[in-house]
Each structure stands twice: as structure tokens, then as C-alpha cells.
Amino acid sequence: KDVLEFSGGILQKNTRMEVLTNALKSTPELEVVETPQGKKSILVIGAGASGLTVMKELKELGHTPICIEENMRIGGVYTKSYDRTMLTTSSLLTAYSDYSDGREDRPVFWSDEEYLDYLDGFATKFKLYENIHFRSSVLSARRDLDTNKWHVTVALGGAYVWPHRSSFLLGRSVAPGIATEAKKHGAQVLKTFHQLAEAQG
């Protein structure tokens, strides 16, 4: 899988093996991230509720966010929840102020899947999917004290972090083949969870 080194508006691309074994010897291919005059390209780690908000605000300010997400869908910790998970704050308090669910007069306590569906709608409305690299991971991050910029190396693709059950809503941007694989893996995780729960009483 490809690896990008993100350095103050520049993405340095190389293969995973070359980065891991020859990081100090090789010079990665440079990929310049074009931004408007006076604007920045900014790395966002994780596409959970906070990461999505950060990306939306950055885009509205004219910056270019690049998000690295290990999972195959947005949602952060809620992609790893189990059956019958319910949020403990109402939809009125949980919803973003700039993306209504239309139920301010009759708030509910969302299930995890209802919340993920809400986040999908938010990401779709503000065109955040185009800024997210799924199944990707951060390999290293260091700050250059001379330039005051961060140098971050990321692996694009190849991360195997799955939702925790087969019934999970996988979002609007998941390819059919990946969805099938996720459901198979999720079913085994859920089966193991129930077996352990039964064994422990």
C-alpha cells in the first residue's frame, strides 16, 4: 500500500516497505497539496464526531483538510459498539447546531446506528467524504523545530479495523465487496462476544 509523508502542505508518497526499511535513506515522491493563497492543508487524524466537525470548519474557512481514518467508515468509537448500544444524551444535545435532525420538539435517545446514520448525513451534506482516506493509518509524526511544521507519515490502505457486528450500517461510501467482508468479520466478533458473556454469566 502507498505511504504518504505529509509535510506542511506536501505529501511525500512511498511504499510501506520502503518507508519502514529505508526511511532515512530514500527520498519519497513528493505530491504537492494545492491550497488557495493564504490557506493551509491540515491533517486530521480520525473521522469520528470531532474529526468531522474539524474538517467541516476547516473547509468553510477555505483550508484543505486531509483525514486519515483506520476504519472503513466514519463514526469513531461508535463503529466499535455492540448490540443495543444507546447514547446517554438526547438527540437535541447531541446533534450539531448546523445540521438539524428535524426533531428538536421531540428529541430521542439515539441508538449507535441511528447516530452513525446522522453522522453520515452530516458528512454527505458538507462533502467531507472527499477528504477522508479510509483504512489508513498514521505511522509516525514529528515536529521540525527549524520550520515549526509537522512531518507525518501515513500508510494509505491496508488497515484492518472492522465494525464489531454484522448488522452495522456501513455508510454511504463503502464498496459492496468491503461491506460483505465486514459483515462476515462482524458476525464472528459478535458470536465471540456472546460466547464470552454467556460463559461469564
N, C-alpha and C. Protein backbone atom coordinates (compact mmCIF):
# COMPACT_ATOMS: atom_id res chain seq x y z
N LYS A 1 0.83 -1.19 0.00
CA LYS A 1 0.00 0.00 0.00
C LYS A 1 0.87 1.25 0.00
N ASP A 2 0.32 2.35 -0.53
CA ASP A 2 1.07 3.58 -0.57
C ASP A 2 1.22 4.19 0.81
N VAL A 3 2.29 4.92 0.98
CA VAL A 3 2.52 5.67 2.21
C VAL A 3 2.75 7.11 1.82
N LEU A 4 2.11 8.03 2.51
CA LEU A 4 2.30 9.45 2.26
C LEU A 4 2.98 10.07 3.46
N GLU A 5 3.95 10.95 3.19
CA GLU A 5 4.52 11.75 4.26
C GLU A 5 4.01 13.16 4.07
N PHE A 6 3.27 13.63 5.06
CA PHE A 6 2.62 14.93 4.99
C PHE A 6 3.50 15.95 5.67
N SER A 7 3.90 17.00 4.93
CA SER A 7 4.83 17.97 5.49
C SER A 7 4.43 19.38 5.07
N GLY A 8 3.65 20.05 5.92
CA GLY A 8 3.30 21.44 5.68
C GLY A 8 2.78 21.72 4.29
N GLY A 9 1.81 20.96 3.82
CA GLY A 9 1.25 21.18 2.50
C GLY A 9 1.83 20.27 1.44
N ILE A 10 2.79 19.42 1.81
CA ILE A 10 3.39 18.49 0.86
C ILE A 10 3.18 17.06 1.34
N LEU A 11 2.70 16.21 0.47
CA LEU A 11 2.56 14.80 0.76
C LEU A 11 3.68 14.05 0.06
N GLN A 12 4.47 13.31 0.81
CA GLN A 12 5.55 12.53 0.25
C GLN A 12 5.10 11.08 0.17
N LYS A 13 5.03 10.54 -1.04
CA LYS A 13 4.46 9.22 -1.25
C LYS A 13 5.56 8.19 -1.43
N ASN A 14 5.38 7.03 -0.81
CA ASN A 14 6.30 5.93 -0.99
C ASN A 14 5.57 4.65 -0.63
N THR A 15 6.18 3.49 -0.87
CA THR A 15 5.55 2.24 -0.49
C THR A 15 5.77 2.00 0.99
N ARG A 16 4.90 1.18 1.60
CA ARG A 16 5.01 0.89 3.03
C ARG A 16 6.38 0.30 3.36
N MET A 17 6.84 -0.68 2.59
CA MET A 17 8.11 -1.33 2.88
C MET A 17 9.27 -0.36 2.79
N GLU A 18 9.26 0.50 1.77
CA GLU A 18 10.35 1.45 1.62
C GLU A 18 10.42 2.43 2.77
N VAL A 19 9.25 2.84 3.24
CA VAL A 19 9.25 3.78 4.36
C VAL A 19 9.74 3.13 5.63
N LEU A 20 9.31 1.89 5.87
CA LEU A 20 9.68 1.22 7.10
C LEU A 20 11.13 0.79 7.14
N THR A 21 11.70 0.41 5.99
CA THR A 21 13.07 -0.11 5.98
C THR A 21 14.10 0.90 5.52
N ASN A 22 13.66 1.92 4.77
CA ASN A 22 14.63 2.88 4.22
C ASN A 22 14.23 4.32 4.48
N ALA A 23 13.60 4.54 5.61
CA ALA A 23 13.08 5.88 5.90
C ALA A 23 14.17 6.95 5.88
N LEU A 24 15.37 6.58 6.34
CA LEU A 24 16.45 7.54 6.40
C LEU A 24 17.27 7.59 5.12
N LYS A 25 17.05 6.63 4.23
CA LYS A 25 17.87 6.54 3.02
C LYS A 25 17.14 7.03 1.77
N SER A 26 15.86 6.72 1.67
CA SER A 26 15.12 7.03 0.45
C SER A 26 14.50 8.41 0.50
N THR A 27 14.26 8.97 -0.68
CA THR A 27 13.58 10.24 -0.81
C THR A 27 12.22 9.98 -1.44
N PRO A 28 11.14 10.05 -0.64
CA PRO A 28 9.80 9.74 -1.18
C PRO A 28 9.42 10.70 -2.30
N GLU A 29 8.56 10.21 -3.17
CA GLU A 29 7.99 11.04 -4.22
C GLU A 29 7.13 12.12 -3.57
N LEU A 30 7.28 13.37 -4.03
CA LEU A 30 6.54 14.47 -3.45
C LEU A 30 5.23 14.71 -4.20
N GLU A 31 4.16 14.90 -3.45
CA GLU A 31 2.87 15.23 -4.04
C GLU A 31 2.39 16.51 -3.37
N VAL A 32 2.38 17.60 -4.10
CA VAL A 32 2.02 18.91 -3.53
C VAL A 32 0.50 19.01 -3.40
N VAL A 33 0.06 19.41 -2.22
CA VAL A 33 -1.36 19.64 -1.97
C VAL A 33 -1.64 21.11 -2.24
N GLU A 34 -2.33 21.39 -3.34
CA GLU A 34 -2.60 22.78 -3.72
C GLU A 34 -3.63 23.39 -2.78
N THR A 35 -3.35 24.60 -2.33
CA THR A 35 -4.29 25.33 -1.48
C THR A 35 -4.38 26.77 -1.97
N PRO A 36 -5.52 27.43 -1.74
CA PRO A 36 -5.64 28.84 -2.11
C PRO A 36 -4.61 29.69 -1.37
N GLN A 37 -4.32 30.84 -1.93
CA GLN A 37 -3.36 31.76 -1.32
C GLN A 37 -3.75 32.09 0.12
N GLY A 38 -2.81 31.92 1.02
CA GLY A 38 -3.06 32.23 2.43
C GLY A 38 -3.77 31.14 3.20
N LYS A 39 -4.06 30.01 2.55
CA LYS A 39 -4.73 28.91 3.22
C LYS A 39 -3.76 27.76 3.45
N LYS A 40 -4.20 26.78 4.25
CA LYS A 40 -3.32 25.68 4.64
C LYS A 40 -3.93 24.32 4.31
N SER A 41 -3.06 23.33 4.18
CA SER A 41 -3.51 21.94 4.15
C SER A 41 -3.22 21.37 5.53
N ILE A 42 -4.23 20.75 6.13
CA ILE A 42 -4.15 20.35 7.54
C ILE A 42 -4.55 18.90 7.69
N LEU A 43 -3.74 18.12 8.40
CA LEU A 43 -4.02 16.71 8.63
C LEU A 43 -4.94 16.54 9.82
N VAL A 44 -6.00 15.78 9.63
CA VAL A 44 -6.94 15.45 10.71
C VAL A 44 -6.87 13.94 10.92
N ILE A 45 -6.60 13.52 12.14
CA ILE A 45 -6.48 12.09 12.44
C ILE A 45 -7.78 11.59 13.06
N GLY A 46 -8.50 10.76 12.30
CA GLY A 46 -9.74 10.17 12.78
C GLY A 46 -10.97 10.88 12.26
N ALA A 47 -11.96 10.08 11.82
CA ALA A 47 -13.20 10.63 11.28
C ALA A 47 -14.37 10.32 12.20
N GLY A 48 -14.16 10.56 13.50
CA GLY A 48 -15.25 10.46 14.46
C GLY A 48 -16.00 11.79 14.50
N ALA A 49 -16.84 11.96 15.49
CA ALA A 49 -17.65 13.18 15.58
C ALA A 49 -16.78 14.44 15.64
N SER A 50 -15.68 14.38 16.37
CA SER A 50 -14.80 15.55 16.48
C SER A 50 -14.06 15.81 15.18
N GLY A 51 -13.52 14.74 14.58
CA GLY A 51 -12.79 14.90 13.33
C GLY A 51 -13.66 15.47 12.22
N LEU A 52 -14.91 15.02 12.16
CA LEU A 52 -15.83 15.53 11.15
C LEU A 52 -16.09 17.02 11.34
N THR A 53 -16.28 17.43 12.60
CA THR A 53 -16.51 18.85 12.89
C THR A 53 -15.31 19.69 12.49
N VAL A 54 -14.11 19.21 12.82
CA VAL A 54 -12.89 19.93 12.46
C VAL A 54 -12.79 20.09 10.95
N MET A 55 -13.03 19.02 10.20
CA MET A 55 -12.95 19.09 8.74
C MET A 55 -13.96 20.08 8.17
N LYS A 56 -15.19 20.02 8.68
CA LYS A 56 -16.23 20.92 8.18
C LYS A 56 -15.85 22.38 8.41
N GLU A 57 -15.36 22.71 9.60
CA GLU A 57 -14.98 24.08 9.91
C GLU A 57 -13.78 24.53 9.07
N LEU A 58 -12.81 23.64 8.88
CA LEU A 58 -11.64 23.98 8.07
C LEU A 58 -12.03 24.27 6.63
N LYS A 59 -12.92 23.45 6.08
CA LYS A 59 -13.35 23.65 4.70
C LYS A 59 -14.10 24.97 4.55
N GLU A 60 -14.92 25.31 5.54
CA GLU A 60 -15.66 26.57 5.46
C GLU A 60 -14.72 27.78 5.52
N LEU A 61 -13.55 27.61 6.14
CA LEU A 61 -12.55 28.68 6.20
C LEU A 61 -11.64 28.69 4.98
N GLY A 62 -11.85 27.73 4.07
CA GLY A 62 -11.07 27.70 2.85
C GLY A 62 -9.82 26.85 2.90
N HIS A 63 -9.59 26.17 4.03
CA HIS A 63 -8.42 25.30 4.14
C HIS A 63 -8.71 23.93 3.52
N THR A 64 -7.66 23.11 3.39
CA THR A 64 -7.80 21.78 2.80
C THR A 64 -7.48 20.72 3.84
N PRO A 65 -8.49 20.12 4.46
CA PRO A 65 -8.22 19.04 5.44
C PRO A 65 -7.96 17.72 4.74
N ILE A 66 -7.05 16.94 5.29
CA ILE A 66 -6.78 15.59 4.82
C ILE A 66 -6.95 14.68 6.03
N CYS A 67 -7.96 13.82 6.01
CA CYS A 67 -8.27 12.99 7.17
C CYS A 67 -7.79 11.56 6.97
N ILE A 68 -7.14 11.00 7.98
CA ILE A 68 -6.68 9.62 7.99
C ILE A 68 -7.54 8.84 8.98
N GLU A 69 -8.25 7.82 8.49
CA GLU A 69 -9.16 7.02 9.31
C GLU A 69 -8.85 5.54 9.14
N GLU A 70 -8.57 4.85 10.26
CA GLU A 70 -8.23 3.43 10.19
C GLU A 70 -9.42 2.55 9.81
N ASN A 71 -10.59 2.95 10.24
CA ASN A 71 -11.76 2.11 9.99
C ASN A 71 -12.24 2.27 8.55
N MET A 72 -13.26 1.50 8.20
CA MET A 72 -13.79 1.55 6.85
C MET A 72 -14.97 2.51 6.73
N ARG A 73 -15.31 3.18 7.84
CA ARG A 73 -16.40 4.14 7.81
C ARG A 73 -16.17 5.21 8.88
N ILE A 74 -16.92 6.28 8.79
CA ILE A 74 -16.84 7.33 9.80
C ILE A 74 -17.57 6.89 11.06
N GLY A 75 -17.30 7.59 12.18
CA GLY A 75 -18.08 7.31 13.39
C GLY A 75 -17.27 7.10 14.66
N GLY A 76 -15.94 6.95 14.54
CA GLY A 76 -15.11 6.83 15.73
C GLY A 76 -15.49 5.65 16.61
N VAL A 77 -15.63 5.89 17.92
CA VAL A 77 -15.88 4.80 18.87
C VAL A 77 -17.20 4.09 18.61
N TYR A 78 -18.13 4.78 17.95
CA TYR A 78 -19.44 4.16 17.72
C TYR A 78 -19.41 3.10 16.63
N THR A 79 -18.30 2.99 15.91
CA THR A 79 -18.15 1.89 14.96
C THR A 79 -17.71 0.61 15.67
N LYS A 80 -17.40 0.72 16.96
CA LYS A 80 -16.90 -0.42 17.72
C LYS A 80 -17.84 -0.81 18.85
N SER A 81 -19.06 -0.32 18.81
CA SER A 81 -20.02 -0.63 19.87
C SER A 81 -20.74 -1.95 19.56
N TYR A 82 -21.43 -2.45 20.57
CA TYR A 82 -22.12 -3.73 20.43
C TYR A 82 -23.64 -3.55 20.39
N ASP A 83 -24.33 -4.64 20.27
CA ASP A 83 -25.79 -4.61 20.17
C ASP A 83 -26.45 -3.80 21.28
N ARG A 84 -27.49 -3.07 20.89
CA ARG A 84 -28.34 -2.33 21.81
C ARG A 84 -27.63 -1.18 22.52
N THR A 85 -26.55 -0.69 21.92
CA THR A 85 -25.90 0.49 22.48
C THR A 85 -26.78 1.72 22.27
N MET A 86 -26.96 2.50 23.33
CA MET A 86 -27.77 3.72 23.25
C MET A 86 -26.94 4.90 23.76
N LEU A 87 -27.07 6.05 23.11
CA LEU A 87 -26.39 7.25 23.58
C LEU A 87 -27.05 7.73 24.87
N THR A 88 -26.30 8.36 25.74
CA THR A 88 -26.82 8.80 27.03
C THR A 88 -27.21 10.28 27.04
N THR A 89 -27.03 10.95 25.91
CA THR A 89 -27.53 12.32 25.77
C THR A 89 -28.56 12.33 24.65
N SER A 90 -29.55 13.20 24.76
CA SER A 90 -30.64 13.22 23.79
C SER A 90 -30.15 13.76 22.45
N SER A 91 -30.94 13.50 21.43
CA SER A 91 -30.59 13.98 20.08
C SER A 91 -30.53 15.51 20.05
N LEU A 92 -31.31 16.17 20.90
CA LEU A 92 -31.30 17.62 20.94
C LEU A 92 -29.93 18.15 21.35
N LEU A 93 -29.30 17.47 22.31
CA LEU A 93 -27.98 17.91 22.79
C LEU A 93 -26.84 17.34 21.96
N THR A 94 -27.08 16.22 21.31
CA THR A 94 -26.02 15.55 20.55
C THR A 94 -25.87 16.10 19.14
N ALA A 95 -26.95 16.51 18.53
CA ALA A 95 -26.92 16.99 17.14
C ALA A 95 -26.10 18.28 17.02
N TYR A 96 -25.47 18.43 15.85
CA TYR A 96 -24.74 19.66 15.57
C TYR A 96 -25.72 20.82 15.37
N SER A 97 -25.30 22.01 15.75
CA SER A 97 -26.20 23.17 15.62
C SER A 97 -26.46 23.54 14.16
N ASP A 98 -25.56 23.14 13.26
CA ASP A 98 -25.73 23.48 11.85
C ASP A 98 -26.22 22.30 11.01
N TYR A 99 -26.69 21.24 11.68
CA TYR A 99 -27.25 20.10 10.95
C TYR A 99 -28.36 19.48 11.80
N SER A 100 -29.56 19.94 11.58
CA SER A 100 -30.70 19.50 12.38
C SER A 100 -31.19 18.12 11.95
N ASP A 101 -31.68 17.36 12.93
CA ASP A 101 -32.33 16.09 12.60
C ASP A 101 -33.84 16.28 12.48
N GLY A 102 -34.29 17.52 12.65
CA GLY A 102 -35.71 17.82 12.49
C GLY A 102 -36.57 17.39 13.66
N ARG A 103 -35.94 17.07 14.80
CA ARG A 103 -36.73 16.57 15.93
C ARG A 103 -36.47 17.39 17.19
N GLU A 104 -36.22 18.67 17.02
CA GLU A 104 -35.96 19.50 18.20
C GLU A 104 -37.13 19.53 19.17
N ASP A 105 -38.34 19.38 18.65
CA ASP A 105 -39.53 19.43 19.51
C ASP A 105 -39.89 18.06 20.09
N ARG A 106 -39.21 17.02 19.65
CA ARG A 106 -39.47 15.67 20.17
C ARG A 106 -38.16 14.86 20.18
N PRO A 107 -37.18 15.28 20.96
CA PRO A 107 -35.88 14.60 20.98
C PRO A 107 -35.98 13.16 21.47
N VAL A 108 -35.03 12.36 21.04
CA VAL A 108 -34.96 10.95 21.42
C VAL A 108 -33.54 10.62 21.84
N PHE A 109 -33.37 9.43 22.39
CA PHE A 109 -32.03 8.92 22.66
C PHE A 109 -31.67 7.97 21.52
N TRP A 110 -30.71 8.38 20.70
CA TRP A 110 -30.34 7.59 19.54
C TRP A 110 -29.66 6.28 19.92
N SER A 111 -29.88 5.28 19.09
CA SER A 111 -29.02 4.09 19.15
C SER A 111 -27.72 4.45 18.44
N ASP A 112 -26.71 3.60 18.58
CA ASP A 112 -25.44 3.89 17.91
C ASP A 112 -25.62 3.96 16.40
N GLU A 113 -26.44 3.08 15.83
CA GLU A 113 -26.62 3.08 14.38
C GLU A 113 -27.40 4.30 13.90
N GLU A 114 -28.34 4.77 14.71
CA GLU A 114 -29.05 6.00 14.36
C GLU A 114 -28.10 7.19 14.37
N TYR A 115 -27.21 7.19 15.34
CA TYR A 115 -26.22 8.28 15.41
C TYR A 115 -25.26 8.22 14.23
N LEU A 116 -24.83 7.01 13.86
CA LEU A 116 -23.94 6.86 12.71
C LEU A 116 -24.63 7.31 11.43
N ASP A 117 -25.91 7.02 11.31
CA ASP A 117 -26.65 7.47 10.14
C ASP A 117 -26.73 8.99 10.11
N TYR A 118 -26.89 9.60 11.29
CA TYR A 118 -26.90 11.06 11.38
C TYR A 118 -25.54 11.63 10.94
N LEU A 119 -24.44 11.02 11.40
CA LEU A 119 -23.11 11.47 11.01
C LEU A 119 -22.88 11.31 9.51
N ASP A 120 -23.41 10.23 8.95
CA ASP A 120 -23.31 10.03 7.50
C ASP A 120 -23.98 11.18 6.76
N GLY A 121 -25.15 11.58 7.24
CA GLY A 121 -25.85 12.70 6.61
C GLY A 121 -25.07 13.99 6.71
N PHE A 122 -24.46 14.22 7.86
CA PHE A 122 -23.64 15.41 8.08
C PHE A 122 -22.45 15.42 7.12
N ALA A 123 -21.74 14.28 7.04
CA ALA A 123 -20.56 14.19 6.18
C ALA A 123 -20.93 14.35 4.71
N THR A 124 -22.10 13.83 4.34
CA THR A 124 -22.55 13.94 2.95
C THR A 124 -22.92 15.38 2.61
N LYS A 125 -23.66 16.03 3.50
CA LYS A 125 -24.10 17.41 3.24
C LYS A 125 -22.92 18.34 3.04
N PHE A 126 -21.89 18.19 3.87
CA PHE A 126 -20.76 19.11 3.81
C PHE A 126 -19.59 18.56 2.99
N LYS A 127 -19.85 17.48 2.23
CA LYS A 127 -18.87 16.91 1.29
C LYS A 127 -17.54 16.58 1.96
N LEU A 128 -17.63 15.89 3.09
CA LEU A 128 -16.42 15.54 3.85
C LEU A 128 -15.79 14.25 3.37
N TYR A 129 -16.57 13.38 2.72
CA TYR A 129 -16.03 12.09 2.29
C TYR A 129 -14.86 12.26 1.33
N GLU A 130 -14.88 13.31 0.54
CA GLU A 130 -13.82 13.52 -0.43
C GLU A 130 -12.49 13.85 0.22
N ASN A 131 -12.51 14.15 1.52
CA ASN A 131 -11.27 14.49 2.24
C ASN A 131 -10.77 13.37 3.14
N ILE A 132 -11.44 12.21 3.11
CA ILE A 132 -11.10 11.13 4.04
C ILE A 132 -10.42 9.96 3.32
N HIS A 133 -9.31 9.47 3.89
CA HIS A 133 -8.65 8.25 3.43
C HIS A 133 -9.01 7.15 4.42
N PHE A 134 -9.88 6.21 4.01
CA PHE A 134 -10.30 5.13 4.89
C PHE A 134 -9.28 4.00 4.91
N ARG A 135 -9.35 3.17 5.97
CA ARG A 135 -8.48 2.01 6.15
C ARG A 135 -7.01 2.40 6.04
N SER A 136 -6.70 3.57 6.55
CA SER A 136 -5.34 4.11 6.50
C SER A 136 -4.90 4.45 7.92
N SER A 137 -3.60 4.53 8.12
CA SER A 137 -3.09 4.73 9.49
C SER A 137 -1.87 5.63 9.50
N VAL A 138 -1.68 6.30 10.63
CA VAL A 138 -0.52 7.16 10.83
C VAL A 138 0.64 6.31 11.34
N LEU A 139 1.78 6.39 10.67
CA LEU A 139 2.95 5.61 11.07
C LEU A 139 3.88 6.39 11.99
N SER A 140 4.01 7.68 11.74
CA SER A 140 4.90 8.48 12.59
C SER A 140 4.53 9.95 12.46
N ALA A 141 4.91 10.72 13.47
CA ALA A 141 4.70 12.17 13.45
C ALA A 141 5.82 12.83 14.22
N ARG A 142 6.42 13.83 13.62
CA ARG A 142 7.50 14.56 14.30
C ARG A 142 7.44 16.03 13.91
N ARG A 143 7.85 16.87 14.82
CA ARG A 143 7.83 18.31 14.58
C ARG A 143 9.22 18.80 14.22
N ASP A 144 9.32 19.56 13.14
CA ASP A 144 10.58 20.16 12.72
C ASP A 144 10.72 21.48 13.45
N LEU A 145 11.67 21.54 14.37
CA LEU A 145 11.83 22.74 15.19
C LEU A 145 12.36 23.93 14.41
N ASP A 146 13.01 23.67 13.26
CA ASP A 146 13.52 24.76 12.43
C ASP A 146 12.41 25.46 11.65
N THR A 147 11.47 24.68 11.14
CA THR A 147 10.39 25.25 10.33
C THR A 147 9.07 25.35 11.09
N ASN A 148 9.02 24.72 12.28
CA ASN A 148 7.80 24.69 13.11
C ASN A 148 6.65 23.98 12.41
N LYS A 149 6.97 23.03 11.51
CA LYS A 149 5.96 22.25 10.82
C LYS A 149 6.03 20.80 11.26
N TRP A 150 4.92 20.09 11.07
CA TRP A 150 4.86 18.67 11.40
C TRP A 150 5.14 17.83 10.17
N HIS A 151 5.91 16.75 10.35
CA HIS A 151 6.16 15.77 9.31
C HIS A 151 5.46 14.48 9.73
N VAL A 152 4.42 14.11 9.00
CA VAL A 152 3.62 12.95 9.37
C VAL A 152 3.65 11.93 8.24
N THR A 153 3.97 10.68 8.57
CA THR A 153 3.99 9.60 7.58
C THR A 153 2.77 8.72 7.79
N VAL A 154 2.00 8.52 6.72
CA VAL A 154 0.78 7.72 6.81
C VAL A 154 0.78 6.62 5.76
N ALA A 155 0.18 5.49 6.10
CA ALA A 155 0.00 4.39 5.16
C ALA A 155 -1.42 4.43 4.64
N LEU A 156 -1.57 4.56 3.33
CA LEU A 156 -2.90 4.61 2.72
C LEU A 156 -3.35 3.21 2.35
N GLY A 157 -4.44 2.76 2.98
CA GLY A 157 -4.95 1.43 2.72
C GLY A 157 -4.23 0.39 3.57
N GLY A 158 -4.86 -0.77 3.67
CA GLY A 158 -4.21 -1.89 4.37
C GLY A 158 -4.52 -1.99 5.83
N ALA A 159 -5.19 -0.99 6.42
CA ALA A 159 -5.56 -1.09 7.84
C ALA A 159 -6.82 -1.94 7.95
N TYR A 160 -6.82 -2.89 8.88
CA TYR A 160 -7.96 -3.80 9.02
C TYR A 160 -8.64 -3.59 10.36
N VAL A 161 -9.41 -2.54 10.44
CA VAL A 161 -10.20 -2.24 11.61
C VAL A 161 -11.65 -2.33 11.18
N TRP A 162 -12.41 -3.24 11.81
CA TRP A 162 -13.76 -3.52 11.35
C TRP A 162 -14.80 -3.11 12.39
N PRO A 163 -16.00 -2.78 11.93
CA PRO A 163 -17.11 -2.64 12.88
C PRO A 163 -17.31 -3.95 13.64
N HIS A 164 -17.92 -3.88 14.81
CA HIS A 164 -17.97 -5.03 15.71
C HIS A 164 -19.18 -5.93 15.56
N ARG A 165 -19.99 -5.72 14.56
CA ARG A 165 -21.08 -6.66 14.36
C ARG A 165 -21.56 -6.64 12.91
N SER A 166 -22.16 -7.73 12.51
CA SER A 166 -22.51 -7.91 11.11
C SER A 166 -23.63 -7.01 10.63
N SER A 167 -24.45 -6.53 11.56
CA SER A 167 -25.61 -5.74 11.17
C SER A 167 -25.30 -4.26 11.01
N PHE A 168 -24.04 -3.89 11.20
CA PHE A 168 -23.70 -2.48 11.25
C PHE A 168 -24.01 -1.75 9.95
N LEU A 169 -24.54 -0.52 10.08
CA LEU A 169 -24.70 0.34 8.91
C LEU A 169 -23.32 0.82 8.50
N LEU A 170 -22.95 0.57 7.25
CA LEU A 170 -21.57 0.82 6.85
C LEU A 170 -21.36 2.16 6.17
N GLY A 171 -22.39 2.95 6.06
CA GLY A 171 -22.20 4.27 5.49
C GLY A 171 -22.41 4.31 3.99
N ARG A 172 -22.42 5.50 3.47
CA ARG A 172 -22.77 5.70 2.06
C ARG A 172 -21.60 5.55 1.10
N SER A 173 -20.40 5.36 1.60
CA SER A 173 -19.24 5.34 0.70
C SER A 173 -18.50 4.02 0.71
N VAL A 174 -19.10 2.96 1.24
CA VAL A 174 -18.44 1.67 1.35
C VAL A 174 -18.75 0.80 0.14
N ALA A 175 -17.72 0.28 -0.53
CA ALA A 175 -17.89 -0.56 -1.70
C ALA A 175 -18.56 -1.88 -1.32
N PRO A 176 -19.36 -2.47 -2.21
CA PRO A 176 -20.09 -3.71 -1.90
C PRO A 176 -19.19 -4.85 -1.42
N GLY A 177 -18.03 -5.03 -2.03
CA GLY A 177 -17.13 -6.11 -1.63
C GLY A 177 -16.62 -5.93 -0.21
N ILE A 178 -16.29 -4.70 0.15
CA ILE A 178 -15.83 -4.40 1.50
C ILE A 178 -16.96 -4.61 2.50
N ALA A 179 -18.18 -4.25 2.12
CA ALA A 179 -19.33 -4.42 3.01
C ALA A 179 -19.56 -5.90 3.31
N THR A 180 -19.43 -6.75 2.31
CA THR A 180 -19.60 -8.19 2.52
C THR A 180 -18.55 -8.74 3.47
N GLU A 181 -17.31 -8.31 3.28
CA GLU A 181 -16.21 -8.76 4.14
C GLU A 181 -16.43 -8.29 5.57
N ALA A 182 -16.90 -7.05 5.73
CA ALA A 182 -17.13 -6.50 7.06
C ALA A 182 -18.23 -7.25 7.79
N LYS A 183 -19.30 -7.60 7.09
CA LYS A 183 -20.40 -8.32 7.73
C LYS A 183 -19.94 -9.70 8.20
N LYS A 184 -19.11 -10.36 7.41
CA LYS A 184 -18.60 -11.67 7.79
C LYS A 184 -17.73 -11.57 9.04
N HIS A 185 -16.84 -10.59 9.06
CA HIS A 185 -15.97 -10.40 10.20
C HIS A 185 -16.77 -9.98 11.43
N GLY A 186 -17.73 -9.07 11.24
CA GLY A 186 -18.55 -8.60 12.35
C GLY A 186 -19.36 -9.70 12.98
N ALA A 187 -19.85 -10.64 12.17
CA ALA A 187 -20.63 -11.76 12.69
C ALA A 187 -19.79 -12.62 13.63
N GLN A 188 -18.52 -12.83 13.28
CA GLN A 188 -17.64 -13.65 14.12
C GLN A 188 -17.31 -12.92 15.42
N VAL A 189 -17.08 -11.61 15.34
CA VAL A 189 -16.80 -10.83 16.55
C VAL A 189 -17.99 -10.86 17.50
N LEU A 190 -19.19 -10.71 16.95
CA LEU A 190 -20.40 -10.72 17.78
C LEU A 190 -20.61 -12.09 18.41
N LYS A 191 -20.37 -13.15 17.66
CA LYS A 191 -20.52 -14.51 18.19
C LYS A 191 -19.57 -14.74 19.36
N THR A 192 -18.32 -14.30 19.19
CA THR A 192 -17.33 -14.44 20.26
C THR A 192 -17.75 -13.65 21.50
N PHE A 193 -18.26 -12.44 21.29
CA PHE A 193 -18.71 -11.61 22.40
C PHE A 193 -19.82 -12.30 23.20
N HIS A 194 -20.82 -12.85 22.52
CA HIS A 194 -21.92 -13.52 23.20
C HIS A 194 -21.46 -14.79 23.92
N GLN A 195 -20.51 -15.52 23.33
CA GLN A 195 -19.97 -16.71 23.97
C GLN A 195 -19.26 -16.34 25.28
N LEU A 196 -18.48 -15.29 25.26
CA LEU A 196 -17.78 -14.85 26.47
C LEU A 196 -18.78 -14.36 27.52
N ALA A 197 -19.78 -13.60 27.06
CA ALA A 197 -20.79 -13.10 28.01
C ALA A 197 -21.53 -14.26 28.68
N GLU A 198 -21.87 -15.28 27.92
CA GLU A 198 -22.58 -16.42 28.47
C GLU A 198 -21.70 -17.19 29.44
N ALA A 199 -20.43 -17.37 29.09
CA ALA A 199 -19.50 -18.10 29.94
C ALA A 199 -19.25 -17.40 31.27
N GLN A 200 -19.28 -16.04 31.23
CA GLN A 200 -19.01 -15.27 32.44
C GLN A 200 -20.27 -14.96 33.23
N GLY A 201 -21.40 -15.45 32.74
CA GLY A 201 -22.67 -15.24 33.46
C GLY A 201 -23.20 -13.86 33.28
